[in-house]
Amino acid sequence: SNAEKECGNAALKEENYAKAEAHYTKAIRLNPGNLAAYNNRSFVMLKTQRWEQAQADATVVVDAPETSENKDLRSKARARRDMAHAAEAAAAGLKAAMEKRSIQLLQK
């Protein structure tokens, strides 16, 4: 599981998000308790604008019992979850504004 996570980290550094996601997903399948893999996959989801998936992965980390080992991960995950929520809300607001503007233009 950790080897897959490390491969995901290497792919992430290269900005190969599809490959990183695949490695993190495999790491999670091998060890569902690998919170770092969830946290990193959440980051990939943010980078690829998949807000709901980013929130879901971050929530897994946030909801895990706090230990001294995962305290930093939980803080990062909370921030990522909040960022994904804000981005999703902004995207929905932009879409609504664009639809309203399109209707206004069609009515002219």
PDB file of N, CA and C in Angstrom:
ATOM      1  N   SER A   1       0.819  -1.205   0.000  1.00  0.00           N
ATOM      2  CA  SER A   1       0.000   0.000   0.000  1.00  0.00           C
ATOM      3  C   SER A   1       0.860   1.265   0.000  1.00  0.00           C
ATOM      4  N   ASN A   2       1.876   1.277   0.851  1.00  0.00           N
ATOM      5  CA  ASN A   2       2.752   2.459   0.892  1.00  0.00           C
ATOM      6  C   ASN A   2       3.559   2.607  -0.391  1.00  0.00           C
ATOM      7  N   ALA A   3       3.932   1.477  -1.011  1.00  0.00           N
ATOM      8  CA  ALA A   3       4.665   1.549  -2.281  1.00  0.00           C
ATOM      9  C   ALA A   3       3.783   2.181  -3.355  1.00  0.00           C
ATOM     10  N   GLU A   4       2.505   1.822  -3.388  1.00  0.00           N
ATOM     11  CA  GLU A   4       1.577   2.422  -4.350  1.00  0.00           C
ATOM     12  C   GLU A   4       1.402   3.912  -4.072  1.00  0.00           C
ATOM     13  N   LYS A   5       1.310   4.255  -2.797  1.00  0.00           N
ATOM     14  CA  LYS A   5       1.182   5.673  -2.434  1.00  0.00           C
ATOM     15  C   LYS A   5       2.403   6.447  -2.904  1.00  0.00           C
ATOM     16  N   GLU A   6       3.581   5.878  -2.724  1.00  0.00           N
ATOM     17  CA  GLU A   6       4.807   6.549  -3.161  1.00  0.00           C
ATOM     18  C   GLU A   6       4.856   6.694  -4.684  1.00  0.00           C
ATOM     19  N   CYS A   7       4.369   5.678  -5.398  1.00  0.00           N
ATOM     20  CA  CYS A   7       4.280   5.801  -6.864  1.00  0.00           C
ATOM     21  C   CYS A   7       3.309   6.915  -7.236  1.00  0.00           C
ATOM     22  N   GLY A   8       2.225   7.017  -6.489  1.00  0.00           N
ATOM     23  CA  GLY A   8       1.279   8.112  -6.706  1.00  0.00           C
ATOM     24  C   GLY A   8       1.921   9.456  -6.458  1.00  0.00           C
ATOM     25  N   ASN A   9       2.727   9.543  -5.411  1.00  0.00           N
ATOM     26  CA  ASN A   9       3.419  10.801  -5.112  1.00  0.00           C
ATOM     27  C   ASN A   9       4.359  11.196  -6.251  1.00  0.00           C
ATOM     28  N   ALA A  10       5.059  10.198  -6.806  1.00  0.00           N
ATOM     29  CA  ALA A  10       5.975  10.479  -7.921  1.00  0.00           C
ATOM     30  C   ALA A  10       5.195  10.975  -9.139  1.00  0.00           C
ATOM     31  N   ALA A  11       4.071  10.338  -9.424  1.00  0.00           N
ATOM     32  CA  ALA A  11       3.242  10.771 -10.559  1.00  0.00           C
ATOM     33  C   ALA A  11       2.673  12.165 -10.311  1.00  0.00           C
ATOM     34  N   LEU A  12       2.314  12.442  -9.077  1.00  0.00           N
ATOM     35  CA  LEU A  12       1.772  13.757  -8.735  1.00  0.00           C
ATOM     36  C   LEU A  12       2.816  14.849  -8.960  1.00  0.00           C
ATOM     37  N   LYS A  13       4.059  14.571  -8.595  1.00  0.00           N
ATOM     38  CA  LYS A  13       5.132  15.546  -8.820  1.00  0.00           C
ATOM     39  C   LYS A  13       5.299  15.859 -10.301  1.00  0.00           C
ATOM     40  N   GLU A  14       5.014  14.865 -11.145  1.00  0.00           N
ATOM     41  CA  GLU A  14       5.101  15.051 -12.601  1.00  0.00           C
ATOM     42  C   GLU A  14       3.804  15.635 -13.173  1.00  0.00           C
ATOM     43  N   GLU A  15       2.852  15.907 -12.293  1.00  0.00           N
ATOM     44  CA  GLU A  15       1.521  16.411 -12.668  1.00  0.00           C
ATOM     45  C   GLU A  15       0.780  15.442 -13.578  1.00  0.00           C
ATOM     46  N   ASN A  16       1.076  14.153 -13.414  1.00  0.00           N
ATOM     47  CA  ASN A  16       0.354  13.103 -14.129  1.00  0.00           C
ATOM     48  C   ASN A  16      -0.774  12.649 -13.201  1.00  0.00           C
ATOM     49  N   TYR A  17      -1.873  13.398 -13.249  1.00  0.00           N
ATOM     50  CA  TYR A  17      -2.950  13.205 -12.283  1.00  0.00           C
ATOM     51  C   TYR A  17      -3.666  11.874 -12.456  1.00  0.00           C
ATOM     52  N   ALA A  18      -3.841  11.419 -13.678  1.00  0.00           N
ATOM     53  CA  ALA A  18      -4.520  10.137 -13.902  1.00  0.00           C
ATOM     54  C   ALA A  18      -3.707   8.990 -13.296  1.00  0.00           C
ATOM     55  N   LYS A  19      -2.412   9.023 -13.518  1.00  0.00           N
ATOM     56  CA  LYS A  19      -1.539   7.976 -12.979  1.00  0.00           C
ATOM     57  C   LYS A  19      -1.496   8.056 -11.454  1.00  0.00           C
ATOM     58  N   ALA A  20      -1.404   9.264 -10.920  1.00  0.00           N
ATOM     59  CA  ALA A  20      -1.387   9.440  -9.467  1.00  0.00           C
ATOM     60  C   ALA A  20      -2.672   8.898  -8.854  1.00  0.00           C
ATOM     61  N   GLU A  21      -3.793   9.248  -9.461  1.00  0.00           N
ATOM     62  CA  GLU A  21      -5.087   8.767  -8.951  1.00  0.00           C
ATOM     63  C   GLU A  21      -5.140   7.244  -8.950  1.00  0.00           C
ATOM     64  N   ALA A  22      -4.666   6.626 -10.023  1.00  0.00           N
ATOM     65  CA  ALA A  22      -4.687   5.161 -10.110  1.00  0.00           C
ATOM     66  C   ALA A  22      -3.857   4.533  -8.993  1.00  0.00           C
ATOM     67  N   HIS A  23      -2.689   5.085  -8.727  1.00  0.00           N
ATOM     68  CA  HIS A  23      -1.833   4.540  -7.662  1.00  0.00           C
ATOM     69  C   HIS A  23      -2.457   4.754  -6.285  1.00  0.00           C
ATOM     70  N   TYR A  24      -3.009   5.929  -6.044  1.00  0.00           N
ATOM     71  CA  TYR A  24      -3.646   6.173  -4.745  1.00  0.00           C
ATOM     72  C   TYR A  24      -4.853   5.264  -4.549  1.00  0.00           C
ATOM     73  N   THR A  25      -5.615   5.057  -5.608  1.00  0.00           N
ATOM     74  CA  THR A  25      -6.782   4.177  -5.522  1.00  0.00           C
ATOM     75  C   THR A  25      -6.350   2.747  -5.206  1.00  0.00           C
ATOM     76  N   LYS A  26      -5.277   2.297  -5.841  1.00  0.00           N
ATOM     77  CA  LYS A  26      -4.770   0.949  -5.563  1.00  0.00           C
ATOM     78  C   LYS A  26      -4.262   0.859  -4.125  1.00  0.00           C
ATOM     79  N   ALA A  27      -3.594   1.901  -3.655  1.00  0.00           N
ATOM     80  CA  ALA A  27      -3.111   1.919  -2.272  1.00  0.00           C
ATOM     81  C   ALA A  27      -4.279   1.807  -1.297  1.00  0.00           C
ATOM     82  N   ILE A  28      -5.370   2.491  -1.603  1.00  0.00           N
ATOM     83  CA  ILE A  28      -6.554   2.449  -0.738  1.00  0.00           C
ATOM     84  C   ILE A  28      -7.189   1.062  -0.777  1.00  0.00           C
ATOM     85  N   ARG A  29      -7.249   0.449  -1.965  1.00  0.00           N
ATOM     86  CA  ARG A  29      -7.800  -0.903  -2.067  1.00  0.00           C
ATOM     87  C   ARG A  29      -6.974  -1.894  -1.246  1.00  0.00           C
ATOM     88  N   LEU A  30      -5.655  -1.732  -1.291  1.00  0.00           N
ATOM     89  CA  LEU A  30      -4.774  -2.631  -0.545  1.00  0.00           C
ATOM     90  C   LEU A  30      -4.858  -2.399   0.956  1.00  0.00           C
ATOM     91  N   ASN A  31      -5.075  -1.144   1.348  1.00  0.00           N
ATOM     92  CA  ASN A  31      -5.162  -0.802   2.772  1.00  0.00           C
ATOM     93  C   ASN A  31      -6.150   0.352   2.942  1.00  0.00           C
ATOM     94  N   PRO A  32      -7.411   0.036   3.206  1.00  0.00           N
ATOM     95  CA  PRO A  32      -8.422   1.085   3.361  1.00  0.00           C
ATOM     96  C   PRO A  32      -8.122   2.069   4.500  1.00  0.00           C
ATOM     97  N   GLY A  33      -7.184   1.743   5.346  1.00  0.00           N
ATOM     98  CA  GLY A  33      -6.800   2.641   6.434  1.00  0.00           C
ATOM     99  C   GLY A  33      -5.667   3.587   6.074  1.00  0.00           C
ATOM    100  N   ASN A  34      -5.231   3.573   4.822  1.00  0.00           N
ATOM    101  CA  ASN A  34      -4.124   4.429   4.386  1.00  0.00           C
ATOM    102  C   ASN A  34      -4.649   5.852   4.176  1.00  0.00           C
ATOM    103  N   LEU A  35      -4.698   6.609   5.256  1.00  0.00           N
ATOM    104  CA  LEU A  35      -5.269   7.958   5.205  1.00  0.00           C
ATOM    105  C   LEU A  35      -4.463   8.898   4.318  1.00  0.00           C
ATOM    106  N   ALA A  36      -3.157   8.688   4.243  1.00  0.00           N
ATOM    107  CA  ALA A  36      -2.334   9.548   3.383  1.00  0.00           C
ATOM    108  C   ALA A  36      -2.737   9.379   1.921  1.00  0.00           C
ATOM    109  N   ALA A  37      -3.084   8.156   1.518  1.00  0.00           N
ATOM    110  CA  ALA A  37      -3.514   7.923   0.137  1.00  0.00           C
ATOM    111  C   ALA A  37      -4.843   8.627  -0.136  1.00  0.00           C
ATOM    112  N   TYR A  38      -5.759   8.569   0.822  1.00  0.00           N
ATOM    113  CA  TYR A  38      -7.025   9.309   0.666  1.00  0.00           C
ATOM    114  C   TYR A  38      -6.760  10.806   0.562  1.00  0.00           C
ATOM    115  N   ASN A  39      -5.895  11.299   1.424  1.00  0.00           N
ATOM    116  CA  ASN A  39      -5.596  12.730   1.446  1.00  0.00           C
ATOM    117  C   ASN A  39      -4.967  13.178   0.127  1.00  0.00           C
ATOM    118  N   ASN A  40      -4.033  12.392  -0.369  1.00  0.00           N
ATOM    119  CA  ASN A  40      -3.366  12.742  -1.621  1.00  0.00           C
ATOM    120  C   ASN A  40      -4.312  12.614  -2.813  1.00  0.00           C
ATOM    121  N   ARG A  41      -5.178  11.597  -2.778  1.00  0.00           N
ATOM    122  CA  ARG A  41      -6.142  11.465  -3.871  1.00  0.00           C
ATOM    123  C   ARG A  41      -7.128  12.635  -3.841  1.00  0.00           C
ATOM    124  N   SER A  42      -7.451  13.111  -2.655  1.00  0.00           N
ATOM    125  CA  SER A  42      -8.307  14.296  -2.538  1.00  0.00           C
ATOM    126  C   SER A  42      -7.658  15.487  -3.231  1.00  0.00           C
ATOM    127  N   PHE A  43      -6.351  15.628  -3.072  1.00  0.00           N
ATOM    128  CA  PHE A  43      -5.626  16.718  -3.735  1.00  0.00           C
ATOM    129  C   PHE A  43      -5.701  16.566  -5.254  1.00  0.00           C
ATOM    130  N   VAL A  44      -5.547  15.329  -5.744  1.00  0.00           N
ATOM    131  CA  VAL A  44      -5.667  15.074  -7.185  1.00  0.00           C
ATOM    132  C   VAL A  44      -7.055  15.480  -7.667  1.00  0.00           C
ATOM    133  N   MET A  45      -8.070  15.150  -6.895  1.00  0.00           N
ATOM    134  CA  MET A  45      -9.440  15.503  -7.280  1.00  0.00           C
ATOM    135  C   MET A  45      -9.620  17.021  -7.332  1.00  0.00           C
ATOM    136  N   LEU A  46      -8.997  17.732  -6.413  1.00  0.00           N
ATOM    137  CA  LEU A  46      -9.051  19.198  -6.460  1.00  0.00           C
ATOM    138  C   LEU A  46      -8.380  19.713  -7.726  1.00  0.00           C
ATOM    139  N   LYS A  47      -7.215  19.170  -8.037  1.00  0.00           N
ATOM    140  CA  LYS A  47      -6.466  19.628  -9.212  1.00  0.00           C
ATOM    141  C   LYS A  47      -7.226  19.356 -10.509  1.00  0.00           C
ATOM    142  N   THR A  48      -8.061  18.318 -10.512  1.00  0.00           N
ATOM    143  CA  THR A  48      -8.821  17.962 -11.710  1.00  0.00           C
ATOM    144  C   THR A  48     -10.276  18.430 -11.615  1.00  0.00           C
ATOM    145  N   GLN A  49     -10.539  19.282 -10.659  1.00  0.00           N
ATOM    146  CA  GLN A  49     -11.840  19.938 -10.480  1.00  0.00           C
ATOM    147  C   GLN A  49     -12.994  18.958 -10.297  1.00  0.00           C
ATOM    148  N   ARG A  50     -12.723  17.889  -9.582  1.00  0.00           N
ATOM    149  CA  ARG A  50     -13.788  16.935  -9.232  1.00  0.00           C
ATOM    150  C   ARG A  50     -14.097  17.144  -7.758  1.00  0.00           C
ATOM    151  N   TRP A  51     -14.900  18.168  -7.521  1.00  0.00           N
ATOM    152  CA  TRP A  51     -15.112  18.689  -6.171  1.00  0.00           C
ATOM    153  C   TRP A  51     -15.749  17.659  -5.238  1.00  0.00           C
ATOM    154  N   GLU A  52     -16.769  16.965  -5.709  1.00  0.00           N
ATOM    155  CA  GLU A  52     -17.460  16.015  -4.832  1.00  0.00           C
ATOM    156  C   GLU A  52     -16.540  14.883  -4.401  1.00  0.00           C
ATOM    157  N   GLN A  53     -15.739  14.371  -5.333  1.00  0.00           N
ATOM    158  CA  GLN A  53     -14.808  13.303  -4.977  1.00  0.00           C
ATOM    159  C   GLN A  53     -13.734  13.819  -4.024  1.00  0.00           C
ATOM    160  N   ALA A  54     -13.296  15.060  -4.231  1.00  0.00           N
ATOM    161  CA  ALA A  54     -12.301  15.652  -3.330  1.00  0.00           C
ATOM    162  C   ALA A  54     -12.868  15.745  -1.923  1.00  0.00           C
ATOM    163  N   GLN A  55     -14.114  16.193  -1.824  1.00  0.00           N
ATOM    164  CA  GLN A  55     -14.764  16.281  -0.514  1.00  0.00           C
ATOM    165  C   GLN A  55     -14.899  14.906   0.123  1.00  0.00           C
ATOM    166  N   ALA A  56     -15.296  13.918  -0.671  1.00  0.00           N
ATOM    167  CA  ALA A  56     -15.506  12.570  -0.133  1.00  0.00           C
ATOM    168  C   ALA A  56     -14.216  11.989   0.434  1.00  0.00           C
ATOM    169  N   ASP A  57     -13.119  12.098  -0.317  1.00  0.00           N
ATOM    170  CA  ASP A  57     -11.843  11.566   0.175  1.00  0.00           C
ATOM    171  C   ASP A  57     -11.363  12.332   1.400  1.00  0.00           C
ATOM    172  N   ALA A  58     -11.501  13.639   1.376  1.00  0.00           N
ATOM    173  CA  ALA A  58     -11.069  14.441   2.526  1.00  0.00           C
ATOM    174  C   ALA A  58     -11.897  14.101   3.757  1.00  0.00           C
ATOM    175  N   THR A  59     -13.176  13.842   3.563  1.00  0.00           N
ATOM    176  CA  THR A  59     -14.050  13.510   4.688  1.00  0.00           C
ATOM    177  C   THR A  59     -13.642  12.197   5.343  1.00  0.00           C
ATOM    178  N   VAL A  60     -13.176  11.229   4.553  1.00  0.00           N
ATOM    179  CA  VAL A  60     -12.690   9.970   5.129  1.00  0.00           C
ATOM    180  C   VAL A  60     -11.575  10.260   6.125  1.00  0.00           C
ATOM    181  N   VAL A  61     -10.667  11.142   5.750  1.00  0.00           N
ATOM    182  CA  VAL A  61      -9.534  11.477   6.620  1.00  0.00           C
ATOM    183  C   VAL A  61     -10.010  12.258   7.839  1.00  0.00           C
ATOM    184  N   VAL A  62     -10.866  13.245   7.624  1.00  0.00           N
ATOM    185  CA  VAL A  62     -11.355  14.081   8.726  1.00  0.00           C
ATOM    186  C   VAL A  62     -12.129  13.242   9.741  1.00  0.00           C
ATOM    187  N   ASP A  63     -12.902  12.282   9.253  1.00  0.00           N
ATOM    188  CA  ASP A  63     -13.734  11.469  10.141  1.00  0.00           C
ATOM    189  C   ASP A  63     -12.967  10.361  10.853  1.00  0.00           C
ATOM    190  N   ALA A  64     -11.727  10.122  10.469  1.00  0.00           N
ATOM    191  CA  ALA A  64     -10.921   9.089  11.127  1.00  0.00           C
ATOM    192  C   ALA A  64     -10.600   9.538  12.550  1.00  0.00           C
ATOM    193  N   PRO A  65     -10.516   8.588  13.472  1.00  0.00           N
ATOM    194  CA  PRO A  65     -10.135   8.965  14.840  1.00  0.00           C
ATOM    195  C   PRO A  65      -8.769   9.655  14.840  1.00  0.00           C
ATOM    196  N   GLU A  66      -8.677  10.741  15.591  1.00  0.00           N
ATOM    197  CA  GLU A  66      -7.420  11.499  15.614  1.00  0.00           C
ATOM    198  C   GLU A  66      -6.360  10.761  16.416  1.00  0.00           C
ATOM    199  N   THR A  67      -5.170  10.699  15.824  1.00  0.00           N
ATOM    200  CA  THR A  67      -3.997  10.171  16.512  1.00  0.00           C
ATOM    201  C   THR A  67      -2.866  11.163  16.288  1.00  0.00           C
ATOM    202  N   SER A  68      -1.790  10.989  17.003  1.00  0.00           N
ATOM    203  CA  SER A  68      -0.655  11.897  16.805  1.00  0.00           C
ATOM    204  C   SER A  68      -0.087  11.744  15.395  1.00  0.00           C
ATOM    205  N   GLU A  69      -0.215  10.539  14.805  1.00  0.00           N
ATOM    206  CA  GLU A  69       0.317  10.302  13.463  1.00  0.00           C
ATOM    207  C   GLU A  69      -0.509  10.972  12.372  1.00  0.00           C
ATOM    208  N   ASN A  70      -1.819  11.081  12.565  1.00  0.00           N
ATOM    209  CA  ASN A  70      -2.645  11.618  11.485  1.00  0.00           C
ATOM    210  C   ASN A  70      -3.155  13.033  11.740  1.00  0.00           C
ATOM    211  N   LYS A  71      -2.674  13.677  12.775  1.00  0.00           N
ATOM    212  CA  LYS A  71      -3.150  15.020  13.116  1.00  0.00           C
ATOM    213  C   LYS A  71      -2.937  16.010  11.961  1.00  0.00           C
ATOM    214  N   ASP A  72      -1.740  16.015  11.374  1.00  0.00           N
ATOM    215  CA  ASP A  72      -1.459  16.920  10.253  1.00  0.00           C
ATOM    216  C   ASP A  72      -2.302  16.571   9.032  1.00  0.00           C
ATOM    217  N   LEU A  73      -2.457  15.267   8.772  1.00  0.00           N
ATOM    218  CA  LEU A  73      -3.281  14.842   7.639  1.00  0.00           C
ATOM    219  C   LEU A  73      -4.710  15.340   7.801  1.00  0.00           C
ATOM    220  N   ARG A  74      -5.236  15.242   9.007  1.00  0.00           N
ATOM    221  CA  ARG A  74      -6.616  15.665   9.249  1.00  0.00           C
ATOM    222  C   ARG A  74      -6.766  17.167   9.031  1.00  0.00           C
ATOM    223  N   SER A  75      -5.770  17.944   9.409  1.00  0.00           N
ATOM    224  CA  SER A  75      -5.826  19.396   9.180  1.00  0.00           C
ATOM    225  C   SER A  75      -5.825  19.712   7.691  1.00  0.00           C
ATOM    226  N   LYS A  76      -4.942  19.059   6.953  1.00  0.00           N
ATOM    227  CA  LYS A  76      -4.889  19.265   5.501  1.00  0.00           C
ATOM    228  C   LYS A  76      -6.202  18.834   4.851  1.00  0.00           C
ATOM    229  N   ALA A  77      -6.730  17.712   5.307  1.00  0.00           N
ATOM    230  CA  ALA A  77      -7.974  17.201   4.724  1.00  0.00           C
ATOM    231  C   ALA A  77      -9.135  18.158   4.986  1.00  0.00           C
ATOM    232  N   ARG A  78      -9.203  18.732   6.176  1.00  0.00           N
ATOM    233  CA  ARG A  78     -10.258  19.716   6.472  1.00  0.00           C
ATOM    234  C   ARG A  78     -10.160  20.893   5.510  1.00  0.00           C
ATOM    235  N   ALA A  79      -8.946  21.366   5.291  1.00  0.00           N
ATOM    236  CA  ALA A  79      -8.748  22.498   4.376  1.00  0.00           C
ATOM    237  C   ALA A  79      -9.142  22.113   2.954  1.00  0.00           C
ATOM    238  N   ARG A  80      -8.765  20.918   2.529  1.00  0.00           N
ATOM    239  CA  ARG A  80      -9.110  20.470   1.173  1.00  0.00           C
ATOM    240  C   ARG A  80     -10.614  20.286   1.020  1.00  0.00           C
ATOM    241  N   ARG A  81     -11.246  19.749   2.053  1.00  0.00           N
ATOM    242  CA  ARG A  81     -12.696  19.571   1.992  1.00  0.00           C
ATOM    243  C   ARG A  81     -13.387  20.924   1.874  1.00  0.00           C
ATOM    244  N   ASP A  82     -12.951  21.881   2.669  1.00  0.00           N
ATOM    245  CA  ASP A  82     -13.537  23.220   2.616  1.00  0.00           C
ATOM    246  C   ASP A  82     -13.275  23.886   1.268  1.00  0.00           C
ATOM    247  N   MET A  83     -12.075  23.697   0.732  1.00  0.00           N
ATOM    248  CA  MET A  83     -11.723  24.277  -0.565  1.00  0.00           C
ATOM    249  C   MET A  83     -12.595  23.670  -1.669  1.00  0.00           C
ATOM    250  N   ALA A  84     -12.786  22.364  -1.620  1.00  0.00           N
ATOM    251  CA  ALA A  84     -13.620  21.699  -2.625  1.00  0.00           C
ATOM    252  C   ALA A  84     -15.058  22.185  -2.534  1.00  0.00           C
ATOM    253  N   HIS A  85     -15.550  22.349  -1.317  1.00  0.00           N
ATOM    254  CA  HIS A  85     -16.923  22.834  -1.130  1.00  0.00           C
ATOM    255  C   HIS A  85     -17.069  24.246  -1.692  1.00  0.00           C
ATOM    256  N   ALA A  86     -16.107  25.104  -1.408  1.00  0.00           N
ATOM    257  CA  ALA A  86     -16.157  26.487  -1.908  1.00  0.00           C
ATOM    258  C   ALA A  86     -16.068  26.520  -3.433  1.00  0.00           C
ATOM    259  N   ALA A  87     -15.199  25.700  -3.998  1.00  0.00           N
ATOM    260  CA  ALA A  87     -15.052  25.668  -5.458  1.00  0.00           C
ATOM    261  C   ALA A  87     -16.321  25.156  -6.120  1.00  0.00           C
ATOM    262  N   GLU A  88     -16.928  24.147  -5.517  1.00  0.00           N
ATOM    263  CA  GLU A  88     -18.176  23.609  -6.065  1.00  0.00           C
ATOM    264  C   GLU A  88     -19.275  24.668  -6.016  1.00  0.00           C
ATOM    265  N   ALA A  89     -19.361  25.395  -4.911  1.00  0.00           N
ATOM    266  CA  ALA A  89     -20.363  26.455  -4.784  1.00  0.00           C
ATOM    267  C   ALA A  89     -20.107  27.570  -5.794  1.00  0.00           C
ATOM    268  N   ALA A  90     -18.853  27.933  -5.973  1.00  0.00           N
ATOM    269  CA  ALA A  90     -18.510  28.987  -6.939  1.00  0.00           C
ATOM    270  C   ALA A  90     -18.860  28.551  -8.359  1.00  0.00           C
ATOM    271  N   ALA A  91     -18.572  27.299  -8.684  1.00  0.00           N
ATOM    272  CA  ALA A  91     -18.893  26.790 -10.019  1.00  0.00           C
ATOM    273  C   ALA A  91     -20.400  26.790 -10.249  1.00  0.00           C
ATOM    274  N   ALA A  92     -21.158  26.414  -9.237  1.00  0.00           N
ATOM    275  CA  ALA A  92     -22.619  26.412  -9.364  1.00  0.00           C
ATOM    276  C   ALA A  92     -23.143  27.835  -9.532  1.00  0.00           C
ATOM    277  N   GLY A  93     -22.568  28.779  -8.787  1.00  0.00           N
ATOM    278  CA  GLY A  93     -22.974  30.178  -8.911  1.00  0.00           C
ATOM    279  C   GLY A  93     -22.653  30.744 -10.278  1.00  0.00           C
ATOM    280  N   LEU A  94     -21.497  30.417 -10.791  1.00  0.00           N
ATOM    281  CA  LEU A  94     -21.099  30.877 -12.123  1.00  0.00           C
ATOM    282  C   LEU A  94     -22.021  30.299 -13.191  1.00  0.00           C
ATOM    283  N   LYS A  95     -22.337  29.027 -13.062  1.00  0.00           N
ATOM    284  CA  LYS A  95     -23.228  28.385 -14.027  1.00  0.00           C
ATOM    285  C   LYS A  95     -24.598  29.057 -14.006  1.00  0.00           C
ATOM    286  N   ALA A  96     -25.114  29.331 -12.817  1.00  0.00           N
ATOM    287  CA  ALA A  96     -26.421  29.984 -12.702  1.00  0.00           C
ATOM    288  C   ALA A  96     -26.391  31.379 -13.317  1.00  0.00           C
ATOM    289  N   ALA A  97     -25.315  32.111 -13.077  1.00  0.00           N
ATOM    290  CA  ALA A  97     -25.191  33.461 -13.640  1.00  0.00           C
ATOM    291  C   ALA A  97     -25.120  33.410 -15.162  1.00  0.00           C
ATOM    292  N   MET A  98     -24.394  32.438 -15.693  1.00  0.00           N
ATOM    293  CA  MET A  98     -24.278  32.305 -17.145  1.00  0.00           C
ATOM    294  C   MET A  98     -25.627  31.932 -17.762  1.00  0.00           C
ATOM    295  N   GLU A  99     -26.362  31.053 -17.096  1.00  0.00           N
ATOM    296  CA  GLU A  99     -27.679  30.670 -17.607  1.00  0.00           C
ATOM    297  C   GLU A  99     -28.630  31.863 -17.594  1.00  0.00           C
ATOM    298  N   LYS A 100     -28.587  32.647 -16.527  1.00  0.00           N
ATOM    299  CA  LYS A 100     -29.441  33.833 -16.428  1.00  0.00           C
ATOM    300  C   LYS A 100     -29.097  34.817 -17.541  1.00  0.00           C
ATOM    301  N   ARG A 101     -27.805  35.012 -17.779  1.00  0.00           N
ATOM    302  CA  ARG A 101     -27.366  35.938 -18.824  1.00  0.00           C
ATOM    303  C   ARG A 101     -27.791  35.429 -20.201  1.00  0.00           C
ATOM    304  N   SER A 102     -27.701  34.135 -20.432  1.00  0.00           N
ATOM    305  CA  SER A 102     -28.125  33.563 -21.712  1.00  0.00           C
ATOM    306  C   SER A 102     -29.610  33.804 -21.946  1.00  0.00           C
ATOM    307  N   ILE A 103     -30.407  33.630 -20.914  1.00  0.00           N
ATOM    308  CA  ILE A 103     -31.849  33.870 -21.029  1.00  0.00           C
ATOM    309  C   ILE A 103     -32.116  35.332 -21.341  1.00  0.00           C
ATOM    310  N   GLN A 104     -31.395  36.223 -20.671  1.00  0.00           N
ATOM    311  CA  GLN A 104     -31.569  37.659 -20.919  1.00  0.00           C
ATOM    312  C   GLN A 104     -31.219  38.003 -22.363  1.00  0.00           C
ATOM    313  N   LEU A 105     -30.153  37.432 -22.883  1.00  0.00           N
ATOM    314  CA  LEU A 105     -29.747  37.702 -24.264  1.00  0.00           C
ATOM    315  C   LEU A 105     -30.768  37.158 -25.262  1.00  0.00           C
ATOM    316  N   LEU A 106     -31.333  36.012 -24.958  1.00  0.00           N
ATOM    317  CA  LEU A 106     -32.328  35.428 -25.854  1.00  0.00           C
ATOM    318  C   LEU A 106     -33.629  36.233 -25.866  1.00  0.00           C
ATOM    319  N   GLN A 107     -33.918  36.912 -24.778  1.00  0.00           N
ATOM    320  CA  GLN A 107     -35.153  37.685 -24.677  1.00  0.00           C
ATOM    321  C   GLN A 107     -35.056  39.024 -25.382  1.00  0.00           C
ATOM    322  N   LYS A 108     -33.872  39.434 -25.773  1.00  0.00           N
ATOM    323  CA  LYS A 108     -33.697  40.737 -26.441  1.00  0.00           C
ATOM    324  C   LYS A 108     -34.061  40.672 -27.886  1.00  0.00           C
TER     325      LYS A 108
END
